[in-house]
């Protein structure tokens, strides 16, 4: 039996695709009989307008394991946005979770004992782009989900790397704000 996983966290940014397809999931992974299980139960019962929480599914009636709860980082304001989030992106996240199990990042024998909370960012522009590339959107969110799980389960980046590279890394949006002042 694998070691107990109380709580792991990870995030990933995958960009560079067509407009509005970037993904930046943040995940919390842990045993269902611990804080992550409590969070999943609480969030599932605490629905709020514009921030519905739903399970990641491959298709209606096909939920993935480990159970994965999606939480939108963006306030959902339109049917078009809802359809993309609860369709293309939801299926992509579900596939990314299974990819992480297949890769061994999540132990297969713990698939029924672990839970994942996945904070999802879908660019609001996706809802109004008539030429949105759903295939690219799906693949990017799938890859980002699997990568964020990999990073969570391997504690990446580790503290030694962070301390070594701290002064080299500048947040891309902070850097943009400094360009005119340096």
Protein backbone atom coordinates (compact mmCIF):
# COMPACT_ATOMS: atom_id res chain seq x y z
CA UNK A 1 0.00 0.00 0.00
CA UNK A 2 1.23 3.48 -0.81
CA UNK A 3 2.00 6.07 1.82
CA UNK A 4 -0.81 8.24 3.15
CA UNK A 5 -1.28 11.43 1.15
CA UNK A 6 -2.74 14.04 3.46
CA UNK A 7 -2.52 17.00 1.11
CA UNK A 8 -0.41 17.95 -1.88
CA UNK A 9 -0.69 21.06 -4.02
CA UNK A 10 0.36 21.90 -7.54
CA UNK A 11 -0.22 24.29 -10.39
CA UNK A 12 0.74 24.58 -14.02
CA UNK A 13 0.41 27.07 -16.83
CA UNK A 14 0.13 25.78 -20.37
CA UNK A 15 -0.21 28.50 -22.99
CA UNK A 16 0.97 29.19 -26.52
CA UNK A 17 -2.05 27.78 -28.33
CA UNK A 18 -4.79 29.56 -30.26
CA UNK A 19 -6.56 32.50 -28.61
CA UNK A 20 -8.39 31.81 -25.32
CA UNK A 21 -7.05 28.24 -24.90
CA UNK A 22 -4.46 28.75 -22.13
CA UNK A 23 -4.95 26.74 -18.95
CA UNK A 24 -3.73 27.37 -15.41
CA UNK A 25 -5.19 24.77 -13.04
CA UNK A 26 -4.35 24.63 -9.36
CA UNK A 27 -4.91 21.32 -7.60
CA UNK A 28 -5.19 20.09 -4.04
CA UNK A 29 -4.88 16.32 -3.69
CA UNK A 30 -5.40 14.18 -0.61
CA UNK A 31 -7.13 11.30 1.13
CA UNK A 32 -10.93 11.44 1.17
CA UNK A 33 -10.94 10.78 4.92
CA UNK A 34 -8.83 13.89 5.54
CA UNK A 35 -9.01 17.64 4.86
CA UNK A 36 -9.34 17.23 1.09
CA UNK A 37 -12.38 14.97 1.51
CA UNK A 38 -13.94 17.52 3.87
CA UNK A 39 -13.23 20.28 1.32
CA UNK A 40 -14.84 18.29 -1.50
CA UNK A 41 -17.96 17.56 0.56
CA UNK A 42 -18.21 21.16 1.74
CA UNK A 43 -17.66 22.69 -1.69
CA UNK A 44 -20.12 20.30 -3.34
CA UNK A 45 -22.85 21.37 -0.91
CA UNK A 46 -21.93 25.04 -0.97
CA UNK A 47 -22.99 26.02 -4.47
CA UNK A 48 -23.07 29.74 -5.29
CA UNK A 49 -24.30 31.73 -8.26
CA UNK A 50 -21.60 32.03 -10.91
CA UNK A 51 -19.28 29.54 -9.18
CA UNK A 52 -20.86 26.12 -9.53
CA UNK A 53 -18.73 23.21 -8.42
CA UNK A 54 -19.00 20.03 -10.50
CA UNK A 55 -17.23 16.70 -10.75
CA UNK A 56 -14.85 16.10 -13.63
CA UNK A 57 -16.50 13.64 -16.00
CA UNK A 58 -15.54 12.01 -19.27
CA UNK A 59 -19.14 12.34 -20.38
CA UNK A 60 -22.46 12.53 -18.58
CA UNK A 61 -22.73 9.57 -16.24
CA UNK A 62 -18.98 8.75 -16.38
CA UNK A 63 -17.16 10.30 -13.40
CA UNK A 64 -13.41 9.79 -13.08
CA UNK A 65 -11.40 8.46 -10.17
CA UNK A 66 -9.93 9.91 -8.10
CA UNK A 67 -13.04 12.01 -7.63
CA UNK A 68 -12.18 15.47 -8.94
CA UNK A 69 -14.18 18.58 -8.11
CA UNK A 70 -13.86 21.50 -10.52
CA UNK A 71 -14.13 25.02 -9.11
CA UNK A 72 -14.17 27.95 -11.53
CA UNK A 73 -11.80 30.85 -10.82
CA UNK A 74 -13.91 33.07 -13.08
CA UNK A 75 -17.48 34.09 -12.35
CA UNK A 76 -19.63 32.30 -14.91
CA UNK A 77 -21.94 34.85 -16.53
CA UNK A 78 -23.18 33.27 -19.75
CA UNK A 79 -24.59 30.07 -21.17
CA UNK A 80 -21.81 30.01 -23.77
CA UNK A 81 -19.13 30.10 -21.06
CA UNK A 82 -20.97 27.44 -19.04
CA UNK A 83 -21.21 25.14 -22.06
CA UNK A 84 -17.46 25.40 -22.74
CA UNK A 85 -16.49 25.01 -19.06
CA UNK A 86 -18.92 22.14 -18.42
CA UNK A 87 -18.15 20.47 -21.73
CA UNK A 88 -14.76 20.76 -23.38
CA UNK A 89 -12.84 21.80 -20.26
CA UNK A 90 -14.63 19.39 -17.92
CA UNK A 91 -13.79 16.45 -20.20
CA UNK A 92 -10.22 17.69 -20.59
CA UNK A 93 -9.72 17.79 -16.81
CA UNK A 94 -11.19 14.30 -16.44
CA UNK A 95 -8.80 12.98 -19.10
CA UNK A 96 -5.88 14.78 -17.46
CA UNK A 97 -6.67 13.05 -14.17
CA UNK A 98 -6.68 9.65 -15.86
CA UNK A 99 -3.45 10.54 -17.66
CA UNK A 100 -1.88 11.21 -14.24
CA UNK A 101 -3.02 7.80 -12.98
CA UNK A 102 -1.72 6.11 -16.14
CA UNK A 103 1.64 7.90 -15.75
CA UNK A 104 1.92 6.67 -12.15
CA UNK A 105 1.74 10.13 -10.60
CA UNK A 106 -1.37 9.01 -8.74
CA UNK A 107 -1.08 5.43 -7.49
CA UNK A 108 -3.79 3.35 -9.21
CA UNK A 109 -4.49 1.48 -5.97
CA UNK A 110 -5.39 4.80 -4.30
CA UNK A 111 -7.81 5.97 -7.02
CA UNK A 112 -10.85 5.39 -4.78
CA UNK A 113 -9.22 6.83 -1.66
CA UNK A 114 -7.97 10.17 -3.00
CA UNK A 115 -9.79 13.31 -4.00
CA UNK A 116 -8.76 16.31 -6.08
CA UNK A 117 -10.02 19.88 -5.97
CA UNK A 118 -9.12 21.57 -9.25
CA UNK A 119 -9.43 25.35 -9.54
CA UNK A 120 -10.04 26.01 -13.21
CA UNK A 121 -9.23 29.10 -15.21
CA UNK A 122 -10.96 29.43 -18.57
CA UNK A 123 -10.36 32.70 -20.36
CA UNK A 124 -13.70 34.58 -20.50
CA UNK A 125 -12.95 35.45 -24.14
CA UNK A 126 -13.58 31.80 -25.03
CA UNK A 127 -17.32 32.42 -24.66
CA UNK A 128 -17.40 35.03 -27.40
CA UNK A 129 -14.87 33.60 -29.85
CA UNK A 130 -16.85 32.11 -32.75
CA UNK A 131 -13.65 30.44 -33.99
CA UNK A 132 -12.65 28.90 -30.65
CA UNK A 133 -10.48 25.85 -31.28
CA UNK A 134 -12.14 23.28 -29.00
CA UNK A 135 -9.61 20.57 -29.87
CA UNK A 136 -6.70 22.80 -28.82
CA UNK A 137 -8.63 23.96 -25.73
CA UNK A 138 -9.22 20.33 -24.76
CA UNK A 139 -5.61 19.25 -25.29
CA UNK A 140 -4.13 22.23 -23.43
CA UNK A 141 -6.42 21.84 -20.39
CA UNK A 142 -5.77 18.08 -20.38
CA UNK A 143 -2.01 18.61 -20.44
CA UNK A 144 -2.13 21.35 -17.78
CA UNK A 145 -4.23 19.17 -15.46
CA UNK A 146 -1.87 16.21 -15.75
CA UNK A 147 1.14 18.51 -15.26
CA UNK A 148 -0.31 20.19 -12.16
CA UNK A 149 -1.03 16.76 -10.65
CA UNK A 150 2.50 15.60 -11.49
CA UNK A 151 3.96 18.66 -9.81
CA UNK A 152 1.74 18.18 -6.74
CA UNK A 153 2.60 14.53 -6.31
CA UNK A 154 6.34 15.16 -6.74
CA UNK A 155 6.43 18.35 -4.62
CA UNK A 156 7.68 20.40 -7.57
CA UNK A 157 9.29 22.78 -7.59
CA UNK A 158 11.19 21.68 -4.50
CA UNK A 159 12.44 24.14 -1.89
CA UNK A 160 16.10 23.83 -2.94
CA UNK A 161 15.25 24.80 -6.54
CA UNK A 162 13.08 27.69 -5.32
CA UNK A 163 15.81 29.06 -3.06
CA UNK A 164 18.43 28.71 -5.79
CA UNK A 165 16.33 30.48 -8.46
CA UNK A 166 14.34 32.95 -6.35
CA UNK A 167 16.11 36.08 -7.59
CA UNK A 168 16.03 35.01 -11.26
CA UNK A 169 12.28 34.63 -11.50
CA UNK A 170 10.03 37.65 -11.88
CA UNK A 171 6.27 37.20 -12.20
CA UNK A 172 5.38 37.99 -15.81
CA UNK A 173 2.64 40.48 -14.91
CA UNK A 174 4.75 42.17 -12.25
CA UNK A 175 7.55 42.50 -14.80
CA UNK A 176 5.22 44.14 -17.32
CA UNK A 177 4.28 46.70 -14.71
CA UNK A 178 7.95 47.53 -14.15
CA UNK A 179 8.99 47.93 -17.80
CA UNK A 180 8.44 51.68 -17.88
CA UNK A 181 10.05 52.29 -14.49
CA UNK A 182 13.37 50.46 -14.78
